[in-house]
Amino acid sequence: MLKKRLSDTLGDLETAEREAVEAARPVELDQTRQGRLSRMDAMQAQSMASASLQRLRQQLAATRRALRRVDQDDFGECQDCGEPIPSGRLLANPAVTRCLRCAESAETG
């Protein structure tokens, strides 16, 4: 069930990445025909699209790693303590690699 969900998520992310690559292309504006605010809006949209593309690529990498772990039978084990990650946490985000305790510990420090 989780492997199919990860595979479906991977397909969705790959589609979104293709669309985001197009949106993040450099802006080419005719300065003689467009006003300064239009150019600024276009550059801001391109910048936001680039940031979105970066996040998508991080999600793609995490999803691919999760699929490899499923195939290697260590899926669902915390990478820090080795304990099983609760199924509810995996259902919420199949790409997680830490149990809640270790994830909180890593965030604080």
N, C-alpha and C. Protein backbone atom coordinates (compact mmCIF):
# COMPACT_ATOMS: atom_id res chain seq x y z
N MET A 1 0.82 -1.19 0.00
CA MET A 1 0.00 0.00 0.00
C MET A 1 0.87 1.26 0.00
N LEU A 2 1.87 1.31 0.88
CA LEU A 2 2.73 2.50 0.93
C LEU A 2 3.61 2.60 -0.32
N LYS A 3 4.04 1.44 -0.85
CA LYS A 3 4.87 1.48 -2.05
C LYS A 3 4.08 2.07 -3.22
N LYS A 4 2.82 1.67 -3.35
CA LYS A 4 1.99 2.23 -4.42
C LYS A 4 1.79 3.73 -4.20
N ARG A 5 1.55 4.11 -2.96
CA ARG A 5 1.36 5.53 -2.66
C ARG A 5 2.62 6.32 -3.00
N LEU A 6 3.79 5.77 -2.64
CA LEU A 6 5.05 6.43 -2.98
C LEU A 6 5.24 6.52 -4.49
N SER A 7 4.90 5.46 -5.21
CA SER A 7 5.02 5.46 -6.67
C SER A 7 4.10 6.49 -7.29
N ASP A 8 2.87 6.56 -6.79
CA ASP A 8 1.93 7.57 -7.28
C ASP A 8 2.42 8.98 -6.99
N THR A 9 2.93 9.17 -5.78
CA THR A 9 3.48 10.48 -5.40
C THR A 9 4.65 10.85 -6.29
N LEU A 10 5.51 9.87 -6.58
CA LEU A 10 6.67 10.12 -7.44
C LEU A 10 6.21 10.57 -8.82
N GLY A 11 5.20 9.91 -9.38
CA GLY A 11 4.67 10.32 -10.68
C GLY A 11 4.11 11.73 -10.65
N ASP A 12 3.37 12.05 -9.61
CA ASP A 12 2.81 13.40 -9.48
C ASP A 12 3.92 14.44 -9.37
N LEU A 13 4.95 14.13 -8.59
CA LEU A 13 6.05 15.08 -8.41
C LEU A 13 6.84 15.26 -9.71
N GLU A 14 7.02 14.19 -10.45
CA GLU A 14 7.74 14.30 -11.73
C GLU A 14 6.96 15.18 -12.71
N THR A 15 5.65 15.04 -12.73
CA THR A 15 4.82 15.89 -13.59
C THR A 15 4.93 17.35 -13.14
N ALA A 16 4.83 17.57 -11.84
CA ALA A 16 4.94 18.93 -11.32
C ALA A 16 6.31 19.53 -11.60
N GLU A 17 7.35 18.70 -11.54
CA GLU A 17 8.70 19.19 -11.82
C GLU A 17 8.81 19.66 -13.27
N ARG A 18 8.28 18.89 -14.20
CA ARG A 18 8.33 19.30 -15.61
C ARG A 18 7.64 20.65 -15.81
N GLU A 19 6.50 20.83 -15.15
CA GLU A 19 5.79 22.11 -15.26
C GLU A 19 6.57 23.24 -14.60
N ALA A 20 7.19 22.94 -13.47
CA ALA A 20 7.94 23.98 -12.74
C ALA A 20 9.19 24.39 -13.49
N VAL A 21 9.82 23.45 -14.20
CA VAL A 21 11.01 23.79 -14.99
C VAL A 21 10.65 24.85 -16.03
N GLU A 22 9.51 24.66 -16.66
CA GLU A 22 9.04 25.62 -17.65
C GLU A 22 8.79 26.99 -17.02
N ALA A 23 8.16 27.00 -15.85
CA ALA A 23 7.83 28.26 -15.18
C ALA A 23 9.06 28.98 -14.65
N ALA A 24 10.12 28.22 -14.37
CA ALA A 24 11.31 28.82 -13.76
C ALA A 24 12.34 29.29 -14.79
N ARG A 25 12.01 29.16 -16.05
CA ARG A 25 12.95 29.62 -17.08
C ARG A 25 13.21 31.11 -16.93
N PRO A 26 14.40 31.55 -17.33
CA PRO A 26 14.72 32.98 -17.22
C PRO A 26 13.70 33.85 -17.97
N VAL A 27 13.44 34.99 -17.40
CA VAL A 27 12.48 35.92 -17.96
C VAL A 27 13.17 36.76 -19.02
N GLU A 28 12.57 36.79 -20.21
CA GLU A 28 13.07 37.66 -21.28
C GLU A 28 11.99 38.70 -21.56
N LEU A 29 12.31 39.91 -21.27
CA LEU A 29 11.32 40.98 -21.42
C LEU A 29 11.82 42.04 -22.39
N ASP A 30 10.91 42.56 -23.14
CA ASP A 30 11.21 43.67 -24.03
C ASP A 30 11.04 44.95 -23.23
N GLN A 31 12.14 45.55 -22.86
CA GLN A 31 12.09 46.73 -22.00
C GLN A 31 11.46 47.93 -22.69
N THR A 32 11.40 47.89 -24.01
CA THR A 32 10.78 49.02 -24.71
C THR A 32 9.27 48.91 -24.74
N ARG A 33 8.72 47.69 -24.44
CA ARG A 33 7.28 47.48 -24.53
C ARG A 33 6.63 47.23 -23.17
N GLN A 34 7.42 46.91 -22.17
CA GLN A 34 6.85 46.60 -20.85
C GLN A 34 7.37 47.59 -19.82
N GLY A 35 6.47 47.94 -18.92
CA GLY A 35 6.85 48.88 -17.88
C GLY A 35 7.69 48.21 -16.79
N ARG A 36 8.27 49.04 -15.96
CA ARG A 36 9.14 48.56 -14.90
C ARG A 36 8.41 47.63 -13.95
N LEU A 37 7.18 47.94 -13.57
CA LEU A 37 6.43 47.08 -12.65
C LEU A 37 6.12 45.73 -13.27
N SER A 38 5.81 45.70 -14.54
CA SER A 38 5.56 44.42 -15.22
C SER A 38 6.81 43.57 -15.23
N ARG A 39 7.95 44.19 -15.46
CA ARG A 39 9.22 43.45 -15.44
C ARG A 39 9.50 42.92 -14.04
N MET A 40 9.25 43.74 -13.02
CA MET A 40 9.48 43.31 -11.64
C MET A 40 8.54 42.16 -11.27
N ASP A 41 7.29 42.24 -11.69
CA ASP A 41 6.33 41.15 -11.43
C ASP A 41 6.80 39.86 -12.09
N ALA A 42 7.25 39.95 -13.33
CA ALA A 42 7.70 38.77 -14.05
C ALA A 42 8.94 38.16 -13.38
N MET A 43 9.85 39.01 -12.93
CA MET A 43 11.05 38.51 -12.27
C MET A 43 10.71 37.88 -10.93
N GLN A 44 9.76 38.46 -10.20
CA GLN A 44 9.35 37.88 -8.92
C GLN A 44 8.67 36.53 -9.15
N ALA A 45 7.83 36.43 -10.16
CA ALA A 45 7.16 35.15 -10.47
C ALA A 45 8.19 34.09 -10.84
N GLN A 46 9.20 34.48 -11.59
CA GLN A 46 10.26 33.53 -11.98
C GLN A 46 11.06 33.09 -10.77
N SER A 47 11.31 34.00 -9.84
CA SER A 47 12.03 33.68 -8.62
C SER A 47 11.23 32.71 -7.75
N MET A 48 9.94 32.94 -7.63
CA MET A 48 9.09 32.04 -6.85
C MET A 48 9.01 30.67 -7.51
N ALA A 49 8.97 30.64 -8.84
CA ALA A 49 8.94 29.37 -9.55
C ALA A 49 10.24 28.60 -9.34
N SER A 50 11.35 29.30 -9.30
CA SER A 50 12.65 28.65 -9.05
C SER A 50 12.68 28.03 -7.65
N ALA A 51 12.18 28.76 -6.67
CA ALA A 51 12.14 28.24 -5.30
C ALA A 51 11.21 27.03 -5.21
N SER A 52 10.09 27.09 -5.90
CA SER A 52 9.16 25.97 -5.93
C SER A 52 9.80 24.75 -6.58
N LEU A 53 10.54 24.96 -7.64
CA LEU A 53 11.24 23.87 -8.32
C LEU A 53 12.26 23.22 -7.40
N GLN A 54 12.97 24.02 -6.64
CA GLN A 54 13.95 23.48 -5.69
C GLN A 54 13.25 22.60 -4.65
N ARG A 55 12.13 23.06 -4.10
CA ARG A 55 11.38 22.25 -3.13
C ARG A 55 10.87 20.96 -3.75
N LEU A 56 10.37 21.03 -4.97
CA LEU A 56 9.90 19.84 -5.67
C LEU A 56 11.02 18.82 -5.83
N ARG A 57 12.19 19.31 -6.18
CA ARG A 57 13.32 18.39 -6.38
C ARG A 57 13.74 17.74 -5.06
N GLN A 58 13.64 18.47 -3.96
CA GLN A 58 13.92 17.87 -2.66
C GLN A 58 12.89 16.79 -2.34
N GLN A 59 11.62 17.06 -2.63
CA GLN A 59 10.57 16.06 -2.40
C GLN A 59 10.77 14.84 -3.29
N LEU A 60 11.17 15.06 -4.54
CA LEU A 60 11.44 13.95 -5.45
C LEU A 60 12.55 13.07 -4.90
N ALA A 61 13.63 13.69 -4.45
CA ALA A 61 14.75 12.92 -3.92
C ALA A 61 14.33 12.12 -2.70
N ALA A 62 13.57 12.73 -1.80
CA ALA A 62 13.11 12.03 -0.59
C ALA A 62 12.20 10.86 -0.95
N THR A 63 11.34 11.06 -1.93
CA THR A 63 10.42 9.99 -2.35
C THR A 63 11.19 8.85 -3.00
N ARG A 64 12.18 9.17 -3.82
CA ARG A 64 13.00 8.12 -4.45
C ARG A 64 13.77 7.33 -3.39
N ARG A 65 14.30 8.03 -2.39
CA ARG A 65 15.01 7.33 -1.31
C ARG A 65 14.07 6.40 -0.55
N ALA A 66 12.84 6.88 -0.30
CA ALA A 66 11.86 6.05 0.40
C ALA A 66 11.52 4.80 -0.40
N LEU A 67 11.37 4.94 -1.71
CA LEU A 67 11.09 3.77 -2.55
C LEU A 67 12.24 2.77 -2.50
N ARG A 68 13.47 3.27 -2.49
CA ARG A 68 14.63 2.35 -2.37
C ARG A 68 14.62 1.64 -1.03
N ARG A 69 14.25 2.36 0.04
CA ARG A 69 14.20 1.72 1.36
C ARG A 69 13.13 0.63 1.40
N VAL A 70 12.00 0.86 0.74
CA VAL A 70 10.95 -0.16 0.70
C VAL A 70 11.52 -1.43 0.06
N ASP A 71 12.26 -1.27 -1.02
CA ASP A 71 12.83 -2.42 -1.72
C ASP A 71 13.96 -3.07 -0.92
N GLN A 72 14.59 -2.35 -0.02
CA GLN A 72 15.70 -2.88 0.78
C GLN A 72 15.25 -3.36 2.15
N ASP A 73 13.99 -3.36 2.40
CA ASP A 73 13.41 -3.87 3.65
C ASP A 73 13.78 -3.10 4.90
N ASP A 74 14.38 -1.90 4.78
CA ASP A 74 14.61 -1.11 5.99
C ASP A 74 13.65 0.09 6.04
N PHE A 75 12.63 0.03 5.20
CA PHE A 75 11.60 1.07 5.21
C PHE A 75 10.85 1.01 6.53
N GLY A 76 10.62 2.17 7.11
CA GLY A 76 9.86 2.23 8.35
C GLY A 76 10.71 2.16 9.60
N GLU A 77 12.03 2.07 9.44
CA GLU A 77 12.93 2.10 10.59
C GLU A 77 13.54 3.48 10.71
N CYS A 78 13.61 3.97 11.93
CA CYS A 78 14.22 5.27 12.19
C CYS A 78 15.71 5.21 11.85
N GLN A 79 16.17 6.17 11.07
CA GLN A 79 17.58 6.18 10.68
C GLN A 79 18.51 6.48 11.85
N ASP A 80 17.98 7.06 12.92
CA ASP A 80 18.82 7.41 14.06
C ASP A 80 18.84 6.32 15.13
N CYS A 81 17.67 5.88 15.54
CA CYS A 81 17.63 4.93 16.67
C CYS A 81 17.33 3.49 16.24
N GLY A 82 16.89 3.31 15.00
CA GLY A 82 16.60 1.98 14.50
C GLY A 82 15.25 1.41 14.90
N GLU A 83 14.50 2.14 15.71
CA GLU A 83 13.18 1.69 16.14
C GLU A 83 12.18 1.87 15.00
N PRO A 84 11.10 1.10 15.01
CA PRO A 84 10.08 1.27 13.97
C PRO A 84 9.41 2.64 14.06
N ILE A 85 9.19 3.24 12.90
CA ILE A 85 8.45 4.49 12.82
C ILE A 85 6.97 4.12 12.88
N PRO A 86 6.18 4.75 13.74
CA PRO A 86 4.76 4.40 13.84
C PRO A 86 4.05 4.49 12.48
N SER A 87 3.15 3.55 12.25
CA SER A 87 2.48 3.47 10.95
C SER A 87 1.70 4.74 10.63
N GLY A 88 1.12 5.38 11.63
CA GLY A 88 0.40 6.63 11.39
C GLY A 88 1.30 7.71 10.83
N ARG A 89 2.52 7.78 11.32
CA ARG A 89 3.50 8.76 10.82
C ARG A 89 3.87 8.43 9.37
N LEU A 90 4.05 7.14 9.09
CA LEU A 90 4.39 6.74 7.72
C LEU A 90 3.22 6.98 6.76
N LEU A 91 2.01 6.76 7.24
CA LEU A 91 0.85 7.02 6.40
C LEU A 91 0.72 8.51 6.08
N ALA A 92 1.04 9.34 7.06
CA ALA A 92 0.96 10.79 6.85
C ALA A 92 2.03 11.27 5.87
N ASN A 93 3.23 10.67 5.96
CA ASN A 93 4.33 11.04 5.07
C ASN A 93 5.24 9.83 4.90
N PRO A 94 5.03 9.05 3.84
CA PRO A 94 5.82 7.83 3.66
C PRO A 94 7.32 8.07 3.47
N ALA A 95 7.73 9.29 3.22
CA ALA A 95 9.15 9.59 2.99
C ALA A 95 9.92 9.91 4.28
N VAL A 96 9.24 9.92 5.43
CA VAL A 96 9.95 10.24 6.67
C VAL A 96 11.01 9.18 6.97
N THR A 97 12.08 9.62 7.61
CA THR A 97 13.18 8.70 7.92
C THR A 97 13.46 8.60 9.40
N ARG A 98 12.75 9.40 10.19
CA ARG A 98 12.97 9.39 11.64
C ARG A 98 11.66 9.22 12.38
N CYS A 99 11.74 8.58 13.55
CA CYS A 99 10.58 8.53 14.43
C CYS A 99 10.38 9.95 14.98
N LEU A 100 9.25 10.19 15.58
CA LEU A 100 8.93 11.53 16.05
C LEU A 100 9.94 12.03 17.08
N ARG A 101 10.34 11.15 18.01
CA ARG A 101 11.29 11.55 19.04
C ARG A 101 12.63 11.99 18.42
N CYS A 102 13.14 11.21 17.49
CA CYS A 102 14.42 11.55 16.86
C CYS A 102 14.29 12.78 15.96
N ALA A 103 13.15 12.91 15.28
CA ALA A 103 12.94 14.09 14.43
C ALA A 103 12.92 15.36 15.27
N GLU A 104 12.23 15.31 16.42
CA GLU A 104 12.20 16.48 17.30
C GLU A 104 13.58 16.77 17.85
N SER A 105 14.32 15.73 18.20
CA SER A 105 15.66 15.90 18.72
C SER A 105 16.58 16.52 17.67
N ALA A 106 16.44 16.10 16.41
CA ALA A 106 17.27 16.65 15.33
C ALA A 106 16.95 18.11 15.07
N GLU A 107 15.68 18.48 15.23
CA GLU A 107 15.28 19.88 14.99
C GLU A 107 15.78 20.81 16.07
N THR A 108 15.83 20.32 17.32
CA THR A 108 16.25 21.20 18.42
C THR A 108 17.75 21.18 18.62
N GLY A 109 18.38 20.23 17.97
CA GLY A 109 19.67 20.27 18.09
C GLY A 109 20.92 19.89 18.23
